[in-house]
Each structure stands twice: as C-alpha cells, then as structure tokens.
Amino acid sequence: MTTALHLITKEELIARFKEIESRGWIENYRKGNDGAVGNILEDLLGIPENNLPIPNAAEWELKTQRSNTSSLTTLCHVEPSPRALSLVPNVLLPKYGWAHKLAGQKYPVDEKSFRSTTNATSFTDRGFKLNVNRQEQRLEFIFDSSKCSDRHSEWLKSVEQRAGLGPFDIIPYWGFNDLYTKAGTKLLNCFYVLADVKRESGKEYFHYNRVLMLKRVNMDKFIDAIEEGSLYVDFDARTGHNHGTKFRIAFKDIPKVYEEVIEIL
C-alpha cells in the first residue's frame, strides 16, 4: 500500500487512528514478520518506516505492540561507566560470564555469554541487581554472591576463581546526568498504540483499539520507574560481540516516564 506523503497535523493523525479502530479486525498480511503489528499500522496510516509526516516529525515516533505480549520494549542504549574501561567486554564477560549455549557449535568452544535482565527491586538468580544511589546521583549494577541460586553453583565456583565472591572491584554505573542526556534525547514524544490479537481459521487479526499520546519525557519519573522495578537494564553480550546495554520497560509501563499522557482511544 502506497500513499503520497504530505504533512498532516496531529489532529489529522488522531482522526486516522479513530478511523482504523472503527474498521475492527484487520488481517495480518505480513506473515512471518515479528514487527507485523507496527508495519501494518504504518501501511494503514500511509507512513514509511516510522516516519511520522507531521510538523516537527523528528520529535515524534510511533510505538506499537500486541496487547497480549509481556515482552519488554527498548527505550535507549547506554553503556555503563567508567566507559574508558569498556566494563562489559573487559570485566563482566571474562570474570562473570558463563559458557554460551552454542559454544562449540555456532561459536568457538570457549565462547562466553553475559546476559542479564536486571531491576532494582530483586536480585537475579545469579546475584545481580540495580541500586539507585540518590546520594551519589547514579544508578549502580551490583553483585551479591549470597543471592546466587544453587542451580548456578558451578558458575559461582568459577567466579570465585576468576574474580572472587566479594562485590565488584569497580562498580558499573550510569550517572543520573548522563542518563538525562542520553535517554532524554532518545525518548521522543510518541503515539503509543496497542492492538488486540485473535486467530481464526489459521489466520491472525489485529484490532488497533488503544492509542495514547505521550509528551515530554520526565527524567525524574525515569529514575522513579527504575527504583520501583518497572524499568530494567538488559546486558546482552558474548565473547565475539557486545549487542549493547539497553534500558527496557514493559510496554504498558511506558507512560510512566512521560510528563503528559493523553488518551486518544
């Protein structure tokens, strides 16, 4: 579906959302595409690749998700400080990593993995946790070996040999001011769209029936969301490649970090 592009106002875009909702169930014709729910909405709106054709479009984006998913949405990528030390590949992977599940198959036999989705309210089963240090104005990634699950006992023994079982010698952290700069420029005003999903006779259908307009990210709320456990830090690295450190949140919690939330549908 191709539509000639021209600038439209936010009011016109809102009218399009309402018209799409009134159509009810729309068949997923992009089978095998994980991003189908967003791609089809872009087709219906007549916009290419999340480029909203509205004035000041660089300040707006479109976020879409299936309402029945629990997956996290990436808000921004920010590597921990001190950045000069490249802590993920130089410390976390070699000293706290574990054998990659495809080591000796897709990757070399000594390939290590360091993947951890971590929040500030509970320790992971390997003993990692976030700590909001308001006195030092920074978010810290901490390790407590006593919180490690028994099922990782062999891994913990290897950590003891490689790094010891005490706290990190150098605590990975993100300064609040750094987060304000990085996340504040990445988190744009956005239209947040949820679609209900159903399957009938082997076909999948979407109903785009919830739209929120989110304006002005609030970095104090961003820190609050971390502290309450809604916002996670996700490490995803292996010996051969660091996929980047992401700040992620459940789609339903995205409005928590914005100053103004306007319900469209």
C-alpha atoms as a PDB file:
ATOM      1  CA  MET A   1       0.000   0.000   0.000  1.00  0.00           C
ATOM      2  CA  THR A   2       1.499   3.337  -1.050  1.00  0.00           C
ATOM      3  CA  THR A   3       0.183   6.745  -0.080  1.00  0.00           C
ATOM      4  CA  ALA A   4       1.557  10.082  -1.271  1.00  0.00           C
ATOM      5  CA  LEU A   5       3.269  11.765   1.658  1.00  0.00           C
ATOM      6  CA  HIS A   6       2.305  15.216   2.830  1.00  0.00           C
ATOM      7  CA  LEU A   7       2.438  16.955   6.162  1.00  0.00           C
ATOM      8  CA  ILE A   8      -0.509  16.276   8.410  1.00  0.00           C
ATOM      9  CA  THR A   9      -1.398  17.720  11.772  1.00  0.00           C
ATOM     10  CA  LYS A  10      -1.556  15.679  14.956  1.00  0.00           C
ATOM     11  CA  GLU A  11      -5.319  16.171  14.839  1.00  0.00           C
ATOM     12  CA  GLU A  12      -5.479  14.588  11.380  1.00  0.00           C
ATOM     13  CA  LEU A  13      -3.341  11.685  12.567  1.00  0.00           C
ATOM     14  CA  ILE A  14      -5.634  11.172  15.549  1.00  0.00           C
ATOM     15  CA  ALA A  15      -8.600  11.087  13.169  1.00  0.00           C
ATOM     16  CA  ARG A  16      -6.826   8.344  11.185  1.00  0.00           C
ATOM     17  CA  PHE A  17      -6.292   6.300  14.358  1.00  0.00           C
ATOM     18  CA  LYS A  18     -10.013   6.543  15.119  1.00  0.00           C
ATOM     19  CA  GLU A  19     -10.959   5.518  11.573  1.00  0.00           C
ATOM     20  CA  ILE A  20      -8.618   2.493  11.765  1.00  0.00           C
ATOM     21  CA  GLU A  21     -10.112   1.461  15.110  1.00  0.00           C
ATOM     22  CA  SER A  22     -13.595   1.637  13.590  1.00  0.00           C
ATOM     23  CA  ARG A  23     -12.598  -0.975  10.970  1.00  0.00           C
ATOM     24  CA  GLY A  24     -12.387  -3.615  13.687  1.00  0.00           C
ATOM     25  CA  TRP A  25     -10.319  -6.730  12.981  1.00  0.00           C
ATOM     26  CA  ILE A  26      -7.672  -6.396  10.255  1.00  0.00           C
ATOM     27  CA  GLU A  27      -5.939  -9.474   8.856  1.00  0.00           C
ATOM     28  CA  ASN A  28      -2.195  -9.803   9.317  1.00  0.00           C
ATOM     29  CA  TYR A  29      -0.941  -9.974   5.747  1.00  0.00           C
ATOM     30  CA  ARG A  30       2.723  -9.733   6.792  1.00  0.00           C
ATOM     31  CA  LYS A  31       3.070 -13.318   7.965  1.00  0.00           C
ATOM     32  CA  GLY A  32       6.404 -14.340   9.454  1.00  0.00           C
ATOM     33  CA  ASN A  33       7.194 -10.737  10.358  1.00  0.00           C
ATOM     34  CA  ASP A  34       7.676 -10.124  14.101  1.00  0.00           C
ATOM     35  CA  GLY A  35       7.022  -6.432  13.552  1.00  0.00           C
ATOM     36  CA  ALA A  36       3.810  -7.005  11.611  1.00  0.00           C
ATOM     37  CA  VAL A  37       1.598  -5.177  14.114  1.00  0.00           C
ATOM     38  CA  GLY A  38       3.620  -1.993  13.588  1.00  0.00           C
ATOM     39  CA  ASN A  39       4.235  -2.449   9.873  1.00  0.00           C
ATOM     40  CA  ILE A  40       0.554  -2.901   9.098  1.00  0.00           C
ATOM     41  CA  LEU A  41      -0.378   0.164  11.145  1.00  0.00           C
ATOM     42  CA  GLU A  42       2.207   2.187   9.213  1.00  0.00           C
ATOM     43  CA  ASP A  43       0.672   0.895   5.962  1.00  0.00           C
ATOM     44  CA  LEU A  44      -2.789   1.926   7.131  1.00  0.00           C
ATOM     45  CA  LEU A  45      -1.537   5.363   8.138  1.00  0.00           C
ATOM     46  CA  GLY A  46       0.390   5.714   4.878  1.00  0.00           C
ATOM     47  CA  ILE A  47       3.747   6.357   6.509  1.00  0.00           C
ATOM     48  CA  PRO A  48       7.095   4.677   5.731  1.00  0.00           C
ATOM     49  CA  GLU A  49       9.303   3.134   8.409  1.00  0.00           C
ATOM     50  CA  ASN A  50       8.020   5.016  11.448  1.00  0.00           C
ATOM     51  CA  ASN A  51       8.492   8.454   9.851  1.00  0.00           C
ATOM     52  CA  LEU A  52       5.506  10.421  11.067  1.00  0.00           C
ATOM     53  CA  PRO A  53       4.710  13.043   8.402  1.00  0.00           C
ATOM     54  CA  ILE A  54       3.703  15.752  10.886  1.00  0.00           C
ATOM     55  CA  PRO A  55       5.304  19.122  11.570  1.00  0.00           C
ATOM     56  CA  ASN A  56       8.369  18.694  13.798  1.00  0.00           C
ATOM     57  CA  ALA A  57       8.237  14.981  12.921  1.00  0.00           C
ATOM     58  CA  ALA A  58      11.749  14.467  14.292  1.00  0.00           C
ATOM     59  CA  GLU A  59      10.256  14.994  17.747  1.00  0.00           C
ATOM     60  CA  TRP A  60       7.652  12.229  17.386  1.00  0.00           C
ATOM     61  CA  GLU A  61       7.661   8.499  16.914  1.00  0.00           C
ATOM     62  CA  LEU A  62       5.211   5.621  16.750  1.00  0.00           C
ATOM     63  CA  LYS A  63       5.357   2.708  19.211  1.00  0.00           C
ATOM     64  CA  THR A  64       3.155  -0.331  18.629  1.00  0.00           C
ATOM     65  CA  GLN A  65       2.741  -3.675  20.330  1.00  0.00           C
ATOM     66  CA  ARG A  66       0.369  -6.599  20.662  1.00  0.00           C
ATOM     67  CA  SER A  67      -1.694  -6.269  23.838  1.00  0.00           C
ATOM     68  CA  ASN A  68      -1.167  -9.936  24.757  1.00  0.00           C
ATOM     69  CA  THR A  69       2.632  -9.792  24.958  1.00  0.00           C
ATOM     70  CA  SER A  70       4.777  -9.467  28.074  1.00  0.00           C
ATOM     71  CA  SER A  71       7.983  -8.658  26.202  1.00  0.00           C
ATOM     72  CA  LEU A  72       9.990  -5.594  27.120  1.00  0.00           C
ATOM     73  CA  THR A  73      10.460  -2.561  24.876  1.00  0.00           C
ATOM     74  CA  THR A  74      13.890  -0.962  24.465  1.00  0.00           C
ATOM     75  CA  LEU A  75      13.878   2.743  25.327  1.00  0.00           C
ATOM     76  CA  CYS A  76      17.569   3.504  24.781  1.00  0.00           C
ATOM     77  CA  HIS A  77      21.103   2.047  24.732  1.00  0.00           C
ATOM     78  CA  VAL A  78      23.617   3.322  27.294  1.00  0.00           C
ATOM     79  CA  GLU A  79      26.856   1.548  28.222  1.00  0.00           C
ATOM     80  CA  PRO A  80      27.896   1.690  31.883  1.00  0.00           C
ATOM     81  CA  SER A  81      30.639   3.942  33.218  1.00  0.00           C
ATOM     82  CA  PRO A  82      33.572   4.223  33.562  1.00  0.00           C
ATOM     83  CA  ARG A  83      33.284   3.970  29.778  1.00  0.00           C
ATOM     84  CA  ALA A  84      37.020   4.108  29.173  1.00  0.00           C
ATOM     85  CA  LEU A  85      37.284   0.656  30.796  1.00  0.00           C
ATOM     86  CA  SER A  86      34.683  -0.969  28.497  1.00  0.00           C
ATOM     87  CA  LEU A  87      33.400  -2.895  31.511  1.00  0.00           C
ATOM     88  CA  VAL A  88      31.101  -5.275  29.642  1.00  0.00           C
ATOM     89  CA  PRO A  89      33.702  -6.921  27.346  1.00  0.00           C
ATOM     90  CA  ASN A  90      36.689  -6.393  29.668  1.00  0.00           C
ATOM     91  CA  VAL A  91      35.240  -7.249  33.091  1.00  0.00           C
ATOM     92  CA  LEU A  92      31.700  -8.641  33.139  1.00  0.00           C
ATOM     93  CA  LEU A  93      32.199 -11.145  30.311  1.00  0.00           C
ATOM     94  CA  PRO A  94      35.605 -12.599  31.256  1.00  0.00           C
ATOM     95  CA  LYS A  95      35.125 -12.537  35.040  1.00  0.00           C
ATOM     96  CA  TYR A  96      31.380 -13.156  35.436  1.00  0.00           C
ATOM     97  CA  GLY A  97      30.311 -14.708  32.134  1.00  0.00           C
ATOM     98  CA  TRP A  98      29.262 -18.326  31.558  1.00  0.00           C
ATOM     99  CA  ALA A  99      29.513 -20.776  28.673  1.00  0.00           C
ATOM    100  CA  HIS A 100      27.404 -19.685  25.708  1.00  0.00           C
ATOM    101  CA  LYS A 101      24.698 -22.224  24.904  1.00  0.00           C
ATOM    102  CA  LEU A 102      26.072 -22.511  21.358  1.00  0.00           C
ATOM    103  CA  ALA A 103      29.749 -22.704  22.384  1.00  0.00           C
ATOM    104  CA  GLY A 104      31.445 -25.404  20.325  1.00  0.00           C
ATOM    105  CA  GLN A 105      28.618 -25.315  17.760  1.00  0.00           C
ATOM    106  CA  LYS A 106      27.910 -21.956  16.177  1.00  0.00           C
ATOM    107  CA  TYR A 107      30.662 -20.257  18.207  1.00  0.00           C
ATOM    108  CA  PRO A 108      34.138 -21.262  19.451  1.00  0.00           C
ATOM    109  CA  VAL A 109      34.271 -23.734  22.323  1.00  0.00           C
ATOM    110  CA  ASP A 110      35.396 -21.036  24.780  1.00  0.00           C
ATOM    111  CA  GLU A 111      32.653 -18.554  23.824  1.00  0.00           C
ATOM    112  CA  LYS A 112      31.176 -16.884  26.916  1.00  0.00           C
ATOM    113  CA  SER A 113      27.857 -15.151  27.421  1.00  0.00           C
ATOM    114  CA  PHE A 114      26.787 -12.369  29.760  1.00  0.00           C
ATOM    115  CA  ARG A 115      23.057 -11.777  29.573  1.00  0.00           C
ATOM    116  CA  SER A 116      21.169 -10.285  32.477  1.00  0.00           C
ATOM    117  CA  THR A 117      17.806  -8.523  32.629  1.00  0.00           C
ATOM    118  CA  THR A 118      18.037  -6.725  35.957  1.00  0.00           C
ATOM    119  CA  ASN A 119      15.881  -4.377  38.013  1.00  0.00           C
ATOM    120  CA  ALA A 120      16.208  -2.524  41.316  1.00  0.00           C
ATOM    121  CA  THR A 121      13.703  -4.479  43.418  1.00  0.00           C
ATOM    122  CA  SER A 122      15.049  -8.049  43.318  1.00  0.00           C
ATOM    123  CA  PHE A 123      18.270  -9.952  42.713  1.00  0.00           C
ATOM    124  CA  THR A 124      18.583 -12.138  39.632  1.00  0.00           C
ATOM    125  CA  ASP A 125      19.268 -15.841  40.174  1.00  0.00           C
ATOM    126  CA  ARG A 126      22.978 -15.104  39.639  1.00  0.00           C
ATOM    127  CA  GLY A 127      23.052 -12.363  42.288  1.00  0.00           C
ATOM    128  CA  PHE A 128      22.856  -9.186  40.179  1.00  0.00           C
ATOM    129  CA  LYS A 129      20.714  -6.163  40.988  1.00  0.00           C
ATOM    130  CA  LEU A 130      20.369  -2.447  40.262  1.00  0.00           C
ATOM    131  CA  ASN A 131      20.848   0.091  43.035  1.00  0.00           C
ATOM    132  CA  VAL A 132      19.532   3.651  42.777  1.00  0.00           C
ATOM    133  CA  ASN A 133      22.141   5.674  44.664  1.00  0.00           C
ATOM    134  CA  ARG A 134      20.499   9.066  45.080  1.00  0.00           C
ATOM    135  CA  GLN A 135      23.307  10.376  47.289  1.00  0.00           C
ATOM    136  CA  GLU A 136      25.875   9.835  44.537  1.00  0.00           C
ATOM    137  CA  GLN A 137      23.297  10.585  41.806  1.00  0.00           C
ATOM    138  CA  ARG A 138      23.950   7.392  39.933  1.00  0.00           C
ATOM    139  CA  LEU A 139      22.424   4.011  39.069  1.00  0.00           C
ATOM    140  CA  GLU A 140      24.684   1.105  40.025  1.00  0.00           C
ATOM    141  CA  PHE A 141      24.916  -2.506  38.875  1.00  0.00           C
ATOM    142  CA  ILE A 142      25.837  -4.608  41.911  1.00  0.00           C
ATOM    143  CA  PHE A 143      26.707  -8.224  42.699  1.00  0.00           C
ATOM    144  CA  ASP A 144      25.976 -10.222  45.865  1.00  0.00           C
ATOM    145  CA  SER A 145      27.188 -13.821  45.665  1.00  0.00           C
ATOM    146  CA  SER A 146      24.977 -14.830  48.614  1.00  0.00           C
ATOM    147  CA  LYS A 147      21.910 -14.197  46.430  1.00  0.00           C
ATOM    148  CA  CYS A 148      23.023 -16.675  43.755  1.00  0.00           C
ATOM    149  CA  SER A 149      20.725 -19.668  43.211  1.00  0.00           C
ATOM    150  CA  ASP A 150      22.050 -23.146  44.000  1.00  0.00           C
ATOM    151  CA  ARG A 151      21.480 -24.133  40.381  1.00  0.00           C
ATOM    152  CA  HIS A 152      24.335 -21.813  39.421  1.00  0.00           C
ATOM    153  CA  SER A 153      26.760 -23.254  41.985  1.00  0.00           C
ATOM    154  CA  GLU A 154      29.292 -24.372  39.367  1.00  0.00           C
ATOM    155  CA  TRP A 155      29.235 -20.952  37.743  1.00  0.00           C
ATOM    156  CA  LEU A 156      29.713 -19.325  41.161  1.00  0.00           C
ATOM    157  CA  LYS A 157      32.768 -21.506  41.814  1.00  0.00           C
ATOM    158  CA  SER A 158      34.237 -20.304  38.532  1.00  0.00           C
ATOM    159  CA  VAL A 159      33.509 -16.672  39.504  1.00  0.00           C
ATOM    160  CA  GLU A 160      35.340 -17.250  42.782  1.00  0.00           C
ATOM    161  CA  GLN A 161      38.399 -18.389  40.835  1.00  0.00           C
ATOM    162  CA  ARG A 162      38.217 -15.564  38.302  1.00  0.00           C
ATOM    163  CA  ALA A 163      37.163 -12.579  40.419  1.00  0.00           C
ATOM    164  CA  GLY A 164      36.405 -13.618  43.998  1.00  0.00           C
ATOM    165  CA  LEU A 165      32.980 -13.581  45.626  1.00  0.00           C
ATOM    166  CA  GLY A 166      33.003 -10.064  47.006  1.00  0.00           C
ATOM    167  CA  PRO A 167      31.329  -7.010  45.455  1.00  0.00           C
ATOM    168  CA  PHE A 168      32.603  -5.717  42.117  1.00  0.00           C
ATOM    169  CA  ASP A 169      36.057  -4.114  42.382  1.00  0.00           C
ATOM    170  CA  ILE A 170      34.785  -1.431  40.007  1.00  0.00           C
ATOM    171  CA  ILE A 171      31.036  -0.842  40.174  1.00  0.00           C
ATOM    172  CA  PRO A 172      29.434  -0.356  36.744  1.00  0.00           C
ATOM    173  CA  TYR A 173      27.180   2.700  36.938  1.00  0.00           C
ATOM    174  CA  TRP A 174      25.215   5.299  34.996  1.00  0.00           C
ATOM    175  CA  GLY A 175      25.309   8.851  36.315  1.00  0.00           C
ATOM    176  CA  PHE A 176      21.885  10.486  36.518  1.00  0.00           C
ATOM    177  CA  ASN A 177      23.132  13.425  34.440  1.00  0.00           C
ATOM    178  CA  ASP A 178      24.442  11.026  31.794  1.00  0.00           C
ATOM    179  CA  LEU A 179      21.091   9.233  31.697  1.00  0.00           C
ATOM    180  CA  TYR A 180      19.293  12.575  31.401  1.00  0.00           C
ATOM    181  CA  THR A 181      21.463  13.407  28.387  1.00  0.00           C
ATOM    182  CA  LYS A 182      21.268  10.007  26.677  1.00  0.00           C
ATOM    183  CA  ALA A 183      17.699   8.949  27.437  1.00  0.00           C
ATOM    184  CA  GLY A 184      16.353  12.489  27.248  1.00  0.00           C
ATOM    185  CA  THR A 185      17.462  12.789  23.621  1.00  0.00           C
ATOM    186  CA  LYS A 186      16.354   9.259  22.640  1.00  0.00           C
ATOM    187  CA  LEU A 187      12.883   9.237  24.197  1.00  0.00           C
ATOM    188  CA  LEU A 188      10.769  11.300  21.845  1.00  0.00           C
ATOM    189  CA  ASN A 189       7.158  12.338  22.127  1.00  0.00           C
ATOM    190  CA  CYS A 190       5.214   9.372  20.809  1.00  0.00           C
ATOM    191  CA  PHE A 191       1.922   7.807  19.893  1.00  0.00           C
ATOM    192  CA  TYR A 192       1.614   4.565  21.840  1.00  0.00           C
ATOM    193  CA  VAL A 193      -0.666   2.028  20.119  1.00  0.00           C
ATOM    194  CA  LEU A 194      -1.853  -1.356  21.395  1.00  0.00           C
ATOM    195  CA  ALA A 195      -3.596  -3.955  19.274  1.00  0.00           C
ATOM    196  CA  ASP A 196      -5.703  -6.873  20.438  1.00  0.00           C
ATOM    197  CA  VAL A 197      -4.892 -10.110  18.617  1.00  0.00           C
ATOM    198  CA  LYS A 198      -7.012 -13.115  17.632  1.00  0.00           C
ATOM    199  CA  ARG A 199      -6.607 -16.185  15.424  1.00  0.00           C
ATOM    200  CA  GLU A 200      -9.385 -17.694  13.333  1.00  0.00           C
ATOM    201  CA  SER A 201      -9.061 -20.498  10.788  1.00  0.00           C
ATOM    202  CA  GLY A 202      -5.296 -20.261  10.850  1.00  0.00           C
ATOM    203  CA  LYS A 203      -5.267 -16.518  10.228  1.00  0.00           C
ATOM    204  CA  GLU A 204      -4.172 -13.752  12.601  1.00  0.00           C
ATOM    205  CA  TYR A 205      -6.065 -10.482  13.038  1.00  0.00           C
ATOM    206  CA  PHE A 206      -5.280  -7.169  14.764  1.00  0.00           C
ATOM    207  CA  HIS A 207      -7.658  -4.644  16.283  1.00  0.00           C
ATOM    208  CA  TYR A 208      -5.914  -1.328  16.959  1.00  0.00           C
ATOM    209  CA  ASN A 209      -8.065  -0.142  19.834  1.00  0.00           C
ATOM    210  CA  ARG A 210      -5.886   1.754  22.294  1.00  0.00           C
ATOM    211  CA  VAL A 211      -3.895   4.894  21.489  1.00  0.00           C
ATOM    212  CA  LEU A 212      -2.135   7.211  23.920  1.00  0.00           C
ATOM    213  CA  MET A 213      -0.295  10.411  23.053  1.00  0.00           C
ATOM    214  CA  LEU A 214       2.791  10.753  25.265  1.00  0.00           C
ATOM    215  CA  LYS A 215       4.530  14.105  25.566  1.00  0.00           C
ATOM    216  CA  ARG A 216       7.749  15.275  27.203  1.00  0.00           C
ATOM    217  CA  VAL A 217       9.778  12.543  28.890  1.00  0.00           C
ATOM    218  CA  ASN A 218      10.353  13.296  32.572  1.00  0.00           C
ATOM    219  CA  MET A 219      13.747  12.104  33.786  1.00  0.00           C
ATOM    220  CA  ASP A 220      12.739  12.175  37.459  1.00  0.00           C
ATOM    221  CA  LYS A 221       9.961   9.747  36.538  1.00  0.00           C
ATOM    222  CA  PHE A 222      12.537   7.730  34.583  1.00  0.00           C
ATOM    223  CA  ILE A 223      14.604   7.260  37.759  1.00  0.00           C
ATOM    224  CA  ASP A 224      11.448   6.556  39.792  1.00  0.00           C
ATOM    225  CA  ALA A 225      10.487   3.815  37.306  1.00  0.00           C
ATOM    226  CA  ILE A 226      13.896   2.212  37.808  1.00  0.00           C
ATOM    227  CA  GLU A 227      13.589   2.414  41.588  1.00  0.00           C
ATOM    228  CA  GLU A 228      10.134   0.803  41.631  1.00  0.00           C
ATOM    229  CA  GLY A 229      11.301  -2.047  39.395  1.00  0.00           C
ATOM    230  CA  SER A 230       9.396  -1.115  36.225  1.00  0.00           C
ATOM    231  CA  LEU A 231      12.474  -0.239  34.193  1.00  0.00           C
ATOM    232  CA  TYR A 232      15.220  -2.810  33.585  1.00  0.00           C
ATOM    233  CA  VAL A 233      18.821  -2.804  32.432  1.00  0.00           C
ATOM    234  CA  ASP A 234      19.456  -5.572  29.914  1.00  0.00           C
ATOM    235  CA  PHE A 235      23.013  -6.764  29.229  1.00  0.00           C
ATOM    236  CA  ASP A 236      23.386  -8.868  26.087  1.00  0.00           C
ATOM    237  CA  ALA A 237      26.984  -9.734  25.296  1.00  0.00           C
ATOM    238  CA  ARG A 238      29.044 -12.689  24.167  1.00  0.00           C
ATOM    239  CA  THR A 239      32.775 -13.054  23.655  1.00  0.00           C
ATOM    240  CA  GLY A 240      32.551 -12.247  19.958  1.00  0.00           C
ATOM    241  CA  HIS A 241      30.105  -9.353  20.179  1.00  0.00           C
ATOM    242  CA  ASN A 242      28.506  -6.941  22.648  1.00  0.00           C
ATOM    243  CA  HIS A 243      24.929  -6.343  21.494  1.00  0.00           C
ATOM    244  CA  GLY A 244      24.720  -3.294  23.729  1.00  0.00           C
ATOM    245  CA  THR A 245      23.337  -2.428  27.146  1.00  0.00           C
ATOM    246  CA  LYS A 246      19.678  -1.498  26.930  1.00  0.00           C
ATOM    247  CA  PHE A 247      17.203   0.239  29.210  1.00  0.00           C
ATOM    248  CA  ARG A 248      13.945  -1.670  28.765  1.00  0.00           C
ATOM    249  CA  ILE A 249      10.401  -1.452  30.076  1.00  0.00           C
ATOM    250  CA  ALA A 250       7.105  -3.308  29.711  1.00  0.00           C
ATOM    251  CA  PHE A 251       5.027  -1.641  27.017  1.00  0.00           C
ATOM    252  CA  LYS A 252       2.199  -0.964  29.471  1.00  0.00           C
ATOM    253  CA  ASP A 253       4.613   0.971  31.702  1.00  0.00           C
ATOM    254  CA  ILE A 254       5.994   3.316  29.024  1.00  0.00           C
ATOM    255  CA  PRO A 255       3.564   6.120  30.029  1.00  0.00           C
ATOM    256  CA  LYS A 256       5.198   6.189  33.470  1.00  0.00           C
ATOM    257  CA  VAL A 257       8.220   8.061  32.140  1.00  0.00           C
ATOM    258  CA  TYR A 258       6.328  10.839  30.335  1.00  0.00           C
ATOM    259  CA  GLU A 259       5.140  14.190  31.680  1.00  0.00           C
ATOM    260  CA  GLU A 260       1.782  14.178  29.870  1.00  0.00           C
ATOM    261  CA  VAL A 261      -0.376  11.204  28.865  1.00  0.00           C
ATOM    262  CA  ILE A 262      -3.404  11.909  26.664  1.00  0.00           C
ATOM    263  CA  GLU A 263      -5.844   9.086  25.943  1.00  0.00           C
ATOM    264  CA  ILE A 264      -6.903   9.118  22.277  1.00  0.00           C
ATOM    265  CA  LEU A 265      -8.661   5.739  22.211  1.00  0.00           C
END
